[in-house]
PDB file of N, CA and C in Angstrom:
ATOM      1  N   UNK A   1      24.251  -0.604  63.709  1.00  0.00           N
ATOM      2  CA  UNK A   1      22.873  -0.204  63.458  1.00  0.00           C
ATOM      3  C   UNK A   1      22.115  -1.308  62.701  1.00  0.00           C
ATOM      4  N   UNK A   2      22.591  -2.548  62.880  1.00  0.00           N
ATOM      5  CA  UNK A   2      21.982  -3.704  62.227  1.00  0.00           C
ATOM      6  C   UNK A   2      20.510  -3.861  62.624  1.00  0.00           C
ATOM      7  N   UNK A   3      19.645  -4.077  61.638  1.00  0.00           N
ATOM      8  CA  UNK A   3      18.203  -4.301  61.834  1.00  0.00           C
ATOM      9  C   UNK A   3      17.482  -3.116  62.473  1.00  0.00           C
ATOM     10  N   UNK A   4      18.014  -1.924  62.307  1.00  0.00           N
ATOM     11  CA  UNK A   4      17.357  -0.715  62.796  1.00  0.00           C
ATOM     12  C   UNK A   4      16.967   0.115  61.571  1.00  0.00           C
ATOM     13  N   UNK A   5      15.702   0.505  61.450  1.00  0.00           N
ATOM     14  CA  UNK A   5      15.261   1.236  60.262  1.00  0.00           C
ATOM     15  C   UNK A   5      15.904   2.624  60.152  1.00  0.00           C
ATOM     16  N   UNK A   6      15.662   3.268  59.035  1.00  0.00           N
ATOM     17  CA  UNK A   6      16.298   4.548  58.744  1.00  0.00           C
ATOM     18  C   UNK A   6      15.950   5.653  59.746  1.00  0.00           C
ATOM     19  N   UNK A   7      14.733   5.740  60.197  1.00  0.00           N
ATOM     20  CA  UNK A   7      14.315   6.823  61.103  1.00  0.00           C
ATOM     21  C   UNK A   7      13.763   6.294  62.421  1.00  0.00           C
ATOM     22  N   UNK A   8      14.600   5.640  63.234  1.00  0.00           N
ATOM     23  CA  UNK A   8      14.104   5.138  64.519  1.00  0.00           C
ATOM     24  C   UNK A   8      13.837   6.288  65.492  1.00  0.00           C
ATOM     25  N   UNK A   9      13.071   5.999  66.527  1.00  0.00           N
ATOM     26  CA  UNK A   9      12.774   7.003  67.558  1.00  0.00           C
ATOM     27  C   UNK A   9      13.422   6.545  68.863  1.00  0.00           C
ATOM     28  N   UNK A  10      14.139   7.473  69.513  1.00  0.00           N
ATOM     29  CA  UNK A  10      14.797   7.174  70.781  1.00  0.00           C
ATOM     30  C   UNK A  10      14.374   8.181  71.830  1.00  0.00           C
ATOM     31  N   UNK A  11      14.474   7.764  73.074  1.00  0.00           N
ATOM     32  CA  UNK A  11      14.059   8.592  74.205  1.00  0.00           C
ATOM     33  C   UNK A  11      15.233   9.435  74.701  1.00  0.00           C
ATOM     34  N   UNK A  12      15.050  10.752  74.657  1.00  0.00           N
ATOM     35  CA  UNK A  12      16.039  11.712  75.156  1.00  0.00           C
ATOM     36  C   UNK A  12      15.465  12.406  76.381  1.00  0.00           C
ATOM     37  N   UNK A  13      16.295  12.644  77.392  1.00  0.00           N
ATOM     38  CA  UNK A  13      15.845  13.319  78.601  1.00  0.00           C
ATOM     39  C   UNK A  13      16.234  14.796  78.608  1.00  0.00           C
ATOM     40  N   UNK A  14      17.362  15.120  78.040  1.00  0.00           N
ATOM     41  CA  UNK A  14      17.852  16.497  78.096  1.00  0.00           C
ATOM     42  C   UNK A  14      18.367  16.924  76.728  1.00  0.00           C
ATOM     43  N   UNK A  15      18.821  18.146  76.618  1.00  0.00           N
ATOM     44  CA  UNK A  15      19.224  18.696  75.326  1.00  0.00           C
ATOM     45  C   UNK A  15      20.733  18.780  75.139  1.00  0.00           C
ATOM     46  N   UNK A  16      21.503  18.080  75.961  1.00  0.00           N
ATOM     47  CA  UNK A  16      22.956  18.094  75.791  1.00  0.00           C
ATOM     48  C   UNK A  16      23.365  17.215  74.622  1.00  0.00           C
ATOM     49  N   UNK A  17      24.427  17.579  73.965  1.00  0.00           N
ATOM     50  CA  UNK A  17      24.983  16.730  72.915  1.00  0.00           C
ATOM     51  C   UNK A  17      26.473  17.004  72.784  1.00  0.00           C
ATOM     52  N   UNK A  18      27.169  16.058  72.183  1.00  0.00           N
ATOM     53  CA  UNK A  18      28.612  16.164  72.021  1.00  0.00           C
ATOM     54  C   UNK A  18      28.910  16.707  70.624  1.00  0.00           C
ATOM     55  N   UNK A  19      29.956  17.480  70.521  1.00  0.00           N
ATOM     56  CA  UNK A  19      30.438  17.932  69.225  1.00  0.00           C
ATOM     57  C   UNK A  19      31.799  17.273  69.025  1.00  0.00           C
ATOM     58  N   UNK A  20      31.882  16.347  68.087  1.00  0.00           N
ATOM     59  CA  UNK A  20      33.108  15.570  67.875  1.00  0.00           C
ATOM     60  C   UNK A  20      34.190  16.433  67.238  1.00  0.00           C
ATOM     61  N   UNK A  21      35.382  16.358  67.785  1.00  0.00           N
ATOM     62  CA  UNK A  21      36.526  17.004  67.150  1.00  0.00           C
ATOM     63  C   UNK A  21      36.869  16.302  65.842  1.00  0.00           C
ATOM     64  N   UNK A  22      36.707  14.992  65.828  1.00  0.00           N
ATOM     65  CA  UNK A  22      36.946  14.195  64.630  1.00  0.00           C
ATOM     66  C   UNK A  22      35.592  13.701  64.121  1.00  0.00           C
ATOM     67  N   UNK A  23      35.098  14.195  62.993  1.00  0.00           N
ATOM     68  CA  UNK A  23      33.785  13.780  62.483  1.00  0.00           C
ATOM     69  C   UNK A  23      33.648  12.273  62.279  1.00  0.00           C
ATOM     70  N   UNK A  24      34.769  11.576  62.111  1.00  0.00           N
ATOM     71  CA  UNK A  24      34.715  10.124  61.938  1.00  0.00           C
ATOM     72  C   UNK A  24      34.288   9.407  63.213  1.00  0.00           C
ATOM     73  N   UNK A  25      34.324  10.082  64.359  1.00  0.00           N
ATOM     74  CA  UNK A  25      33.891   9.491  65.620  1.00  0.00           C
ATOM     75  C   UNK A  25      32.371   9.494  65.778  1.00  0.00           C
ATOM     76  N   UNK A  26      31.668  10.246  64.944  1.00  0.00           N
ATOM     77  CA  UNK A  26      30.209  10.306  65.012  1.00  0.00           C
ATOM     78  C   UNK A  26      29.635   9.008  64.454  1.00  0.00           C
ATOM     79  N   UNK A  27      28.936   8.271  65.284  1.00  0.00           N
ATOM     80  CA  UNK A  27      28.350   6.987  64.895  1.00  0.00           C
ATOM     81  C   UNK A  27      26.928   7.181  64.383  1.00  0.00           C
ATOM     82  N   UNK A  28      26.133   7.963  65.087  1.00  0.00           N
ATOM     83  CA  UNK A  28      24.755   8.258  64.678  1.00  0.00           C
ATOM     84  C   UNK A  28      24.457   9.729  64.942  1.00  0.00           C
ATOM     85  N   UNK A  29      23.569  10.269  64.134  1.00  0.00           N
ATOM     86  CA  UNK A  29      23.157  11.657  64.290  1.00  0.00           C
ATOM     87  C   UNK A  29      21.644  11.728  64.433  1.00  0.00           C
ATOM     88  N   UNK A  30      21.187  12.874  64.863  1.00  0.00           N
ATOM     89  CA  UNK A  30      19.771  13.099  65.095  1.00  0.00           C
ATOM     90  C   UNK A  30      19.420  14.501  64.616  1.00  0.00           C
ATOM     91  N   UNK A  31      18.152  14.722  64.326  1.00  0.00           N
ATOM     92  CA  UNK A  31      17.701  16.068  63.979  1.00  0.00           C
ATOM     93  C   UNK A  31      16.534  16.440  64.880  1.00  0.00           C
ATOM     94  N   UNK A  32      16.716  17.489  65.648  1.00  0.00           N
ATOM     95  CA  UNK A  32      15.652  18.040  66.483  1.00  0.00           C
ATOM     96  C   UNK A  32      15.905  19.536  66.537  1.00  0.00           C
ATOM     97  N   UNK A  33      15.444  20.227  65.519  1.00  0.00           N
ATOM     98  CA  UNK A  33      15.739  21.646  65.398  1.00  0.00           C
ATOM     99  C   UNK A  33      17.072  21.886  64.704  1.00  0.00           C
ATOM    100  N   UNK A  34      18.064  21.087  65.065  1.00  0.00           N
ATOM    101  CA  UNK A  34      19.385  21.116  64.436  1.00  0.00           C
ATOM    102  C   UNK A  34      19.866  19.672  64.270  1.00  0.00           C
ATOM    103  N   UNK A  35      20.836  19.467  63.411  1.00  0.00           N
ATOM    104  CA  UNK A  35      21.483  18.158  63.310  1.00  0.00           C
ATOM    105  C   UNK A  35      22.581  18.086  64.359  1.00  0.00           C
ATOM    106  N   UNK A  36      22.643  16.970  65.084  1.00  0.00           N
ATOM    107  CA  UNK A  36      23.683  16.812  66.094  1.00  0.00           C
ATOM    108  C   UNK A  36      24.037  15.340  66.273  1.00  0.00           C
ATOM    109  N   UNK A  37      25.204  15.101  66.831  1.00  0.00           N
ATOM    110  CA  UNK A  37      25.679  13.749  67.099  1.00  0.00           C
ATOM    111  C   UNK A  37      25.031  13.227  68.375  1.00  0.00           C
ATOM    112  N   UNK A  38      24.465  12.022  68.300  1.00  0.00           N
ATOM    113  CA  UNK A  38      23.872  11.429  69.499  1.00  0.00           C
ATOM    114  C   UNK A  38      24.469  10.061  69.811  1.00  0.00           C
ATOM    115  N   UNK A  39      25.451   9.637  69.023  1.00  0.00           N
ATOM    116  CA  UNK A  39      26.173   8.403  69.288  1.00  0.00           C
ATOM    117  C   UNK A  39      27.585   8.507  68.738  1.00  0.00           C
ATOM    118  N   UNK A  40      28.538   8.037  69.514  1.00  0.00           N
ATOM    119  CA  UNK A  40      29.944   8.143  69.124  1.00  0.00           C
ATOM    120  C   UNK A  40      30.632   6.796  69.250  1.00  0.00           C
ATOM    121  N   UNK A  41      31.712   6.665  68.502  1.00  0.00           N
ATOM    122  CA  UNK A  41      32.563   5.486  68.606  1.00  0.00           C
ATOM    123  C   UNK A  41      33.984   5.905  68.302  1.00  0.00           C
ATOM    124  N   UNK A  42      34.888   5.509  69.167  1.00  0.00           N
ATOM    125  CA  UNK A  42      36.312   5.714  68.935  1.00  0.00           C
ATOM    126  C   UNK A  42      37.003   4.431  69.352  1.00  0.00           C
ATOM    127  N   UNK A  43      37.572   3.754  68.363  1.00  0.00           N
ATOM    128  CA  UNK A  43      38.178   2.439  68.562  1.00  0.00           C
ATOM    129  C   UNK A  43      37.149   1.500  69.188  1.00  0.00           C
ATOM    130  N   UNK A  44      37.385   0.976  70.379  1.00  0.00           N
ATOM    131  CA  UNK A  44      36.455   0.027  70.984  1.00  0.00           C
ATOM    132  C   UNK A  44      35.547   0.663  72.043  1.00  0.00           C
ATOM    133  N   UNK A  45      35.461   1.986  72.064  1.00  0.00           N
ATOM    134  CA  UNK A  45      34.603   2.688  73.015  1.00  0.00           C
ATOM    135  C   UNK A  45      33.428   3.293  72.253  1.00  0.00           C
ATOM    136  N   UNK A  46      32.204   2.992  72.723  1.00  0.00           N
ATOM    137  CA  UNK A  46      30.993   3.502  72.093  1.00  0.00           C
ATOM    138  C   UNK A  46      30.091   4.104  73.153  1.00  0.00           C
ATOM    139  N   UNK A  47      29.319   5.094  72.755  1.00  0.00           N
ATOM    140  CA  UNK A  47      28.363   5.683  73.684  1.00  0.00           C
ATOM    141  C   UNK A  47      27.256   6.395  72.943  1.00  0.00           C
ATOM    142  N   UNK A  48      26.097   6.487  73.592  1.00  0.00           N
ATOM    143  CA  UNK A  48      24.957   7.211  73.030  1.00  0.00           C
ATOM    144  C   UNK A  48      24.440   8.206  74.058  1.00  0.00           C
ATOM    145  N   UNK A  49      23.849   9.261  73.573  1.00  0.00           N
ATOM    146  CA  UNK A  49      23.332  10.310  74.439  1.00  0.00           C
ATOM    147  C   UNK A  49      21.911   9.998  74.891  1.00  0.00           C
ATOM    148  N   UNK A  50      21.193   9.194  74.142  1.00  0.00           N
ATOM    149  CA  UNK A  50      19.801   8.871  74.465  1.00  0.00           C
ATOM    150  C   UNK A  50      19.746   7.641  75.370  1.00  0.00           C
ATOM    151  N   UNK A  51      18.554   7.243  75.747  1.00  0.00           N
ATOM    152  CA  UNK A  51      18.342   6.105  76.643  1.00  0.00           C
ATOM    153  C   UNK A  51      17.791   4.920  75.850  1.00  0.00           C
ATOM    154  N   UNK A  52      18.654   3.995  75.418  1.00  0.00           N
ATOM    155  CA  UNK A  52      18.134   2.849  74.665  1.00  0.00           C
ATOM    156  C   UNK A  52      17.185   1.979  75.496  1.00  0.00           C
ATOM    157  N   UNK A  53      17.403   1.891  76.788  1.00  0.00           N
ATOM    158  CA  UNK A  53      16.547   1.043  77.638  1.00  0.00           C
ATOM    159  C   UNK A  53      15.126   1.579  77.747  1.00  0.00           C
ATOM    160  N   UNK A  54      14.900   2.831  77.367  1.00  0.00           N
ATOM    161  CA  UNK A  54      13.560   3.424  77.403  1.00  0.00           C
ATOM    162  C   UNK A  54      13.048   3.738  75.999  1.00  0.00           C
ATOM    163  N   UNK A  55      13.689   3.156  74.991  1.00  0.00           N
ATOM    164  CA  UNK A  55      13.379   3.504  73.607  1.00  0.00           C
ATOM    165  C   UNK A  55      12.674   2.386  72.846  1.00  0.00           C
ATOM    166  N   UNK A  56      11.910   1.586  73.547  1.00  0.00           N
ATOM    167  CA  UNK A  56      11.066   0.555  72.953  1.00  0.00           C
ATOM    168  C   UNK A  56      11.845  -0.366  72.029  1.00  0.00           C
ATOM    169  N   UNK A  57      11.238  -0.771  70.927  1.00  0.00           N
ATOM    170  CA  UNK A  57      11.837  -1.799  70.058  1.00  0.00           C
ATOM    171  C   UNK A  57      13.154  -1.345  69.444  1.00  0.00           C
ATOM    172  N   UNK A  58      13.316  -0.058  69.166  1.00  0.00           N
ATOM    173  CA  UNK A  58      14.565   0.415  68.573  1.00  0.00           C
ATOM    174  C   UNK A  58      15.706   0.343  69.592  1.00  0.00           C
ATOM    175  N   UNK A  59      15.419   0.725  70.800  1.00  0.00           N
ATOM    176  CA  UNK A  59      16.423   0.652  71.856  1.00  0.00           C
ATOM    177  C   UNK A  59      16.808  -0.774  72.196  1.00  0.00           C
ATOM    178  N   UNK A  60      15.816  -1.655  72.231  1.00  0.00           N
ATOM    179  CA  UNK A  60      16.115  -3.062  72.510  1.00  0.00           C
ATOM    180  C   UNK A  60      16.960  -3.675  71.399  1.00  0.00           C
ATOM    181  N   UNK A  61      16.685  -3.301  70.150  1.00  0.00           N
ATOM    182  CA  UNK A  61      17.494  -3.808  69.038  1.00  0.00           C
ATOM    183  C   UNK A  61      18.918  -3.282  69.140  1.00  0.00           C
ATOM    184  N   UNK A  62      19.079  -2.016  69.509  1.00  0.00           N
ATOM    185  CA  UNK A  62      20.412  -1.449  69.670  1.00  0.00           C
ATOM    186  C   UNK A  62      21.187  -2.176  70.775  1.00  0.00           C
ATOM    187  N   UNK A  63      20.530  -2.438  71.896  1.00  0.00           N
ATOM    188  CA  UNK A  63      21.184  -3.174  72.990  1.00  0.00           C
ATOM    189  C   UNK A  63      21.503  -4.614  72.579  1.00  0.00           C
ATOM    190  N   UNK A  64      20.617  -5.237  71.812  1.00  0.00           N
ATOM    191  CA  UNK A  64      20.876  -6.589  71.309  1.00  0.00           C
ATOM    192  C   UNK A  64      22.097  -6.573  70.408  1.00  0.00           C
ATOM    193  N   UNK A  65      22.176  -5.587  69.515  1.00  0.00           N
ATOM    194  CA  UNK A  65      23.344  -5.473  68.628  1.00  0.00           C
ATOM    195  C   UNK A  65      24.627  -5.303  69.427  1.00  0.00           C
ATOM    196  N   UNK A  66      24.578  -4.459  70.448  1.00  0.00           N
ATOM    197  CA  UNK A  66      25.755  -4.236  71.281  1.00  0.00           C
ATOM    198  C   UNK A  66      26.177  -5.527  71.963  1.00  0.00           C
ATOM    199  N   UNK A  67      25.207  -6.267  72.466  1.00  0.00           N
ATOM    200  CA  UNK A  67      25.497  -7.526  73.159  1.00  0.00           C
ATOM    201  C   UNK A  67      26.127  -8.564  72.236  1.00  0.00           C
ATOM    202  N   UNK A  68      25.869  -8.466  70.933  1.00  0.00           N
ATOM    203  CA  UNK A  68      26.371  -9.436  69.974  1.00  0.00           C
ATOM    204  C   UNK A  68      27.757  -9.069  69.426  1.00  0.00           C
ATOM    205  N   UNK A  69      28.329  -7.961  69.866  1.00  0.00           N
ATOM    206  CA  UNK A  69      29.661  -7.566  69.388  1.00  0.00           C
ATOM    207  C   UNK A  69      30.693  -8.526  69.917  1.00  0.00           C
TER     208      UNK A  69
END
């Protein structure tokens, strides 16, 4: 989450979300009526529920960070 401010805005298309069996796998959370996990990481596998490619400067920064891993 390097160079991403505390409350970024991301583009979501649907209301599905994952519930992690292991809370340590939750990478990022979101609040929209309820708090929920919208990004996960387990070892070298990462994923997000939102669309970073449609999320303007915050999404581009997230993709840039991923590319620099």
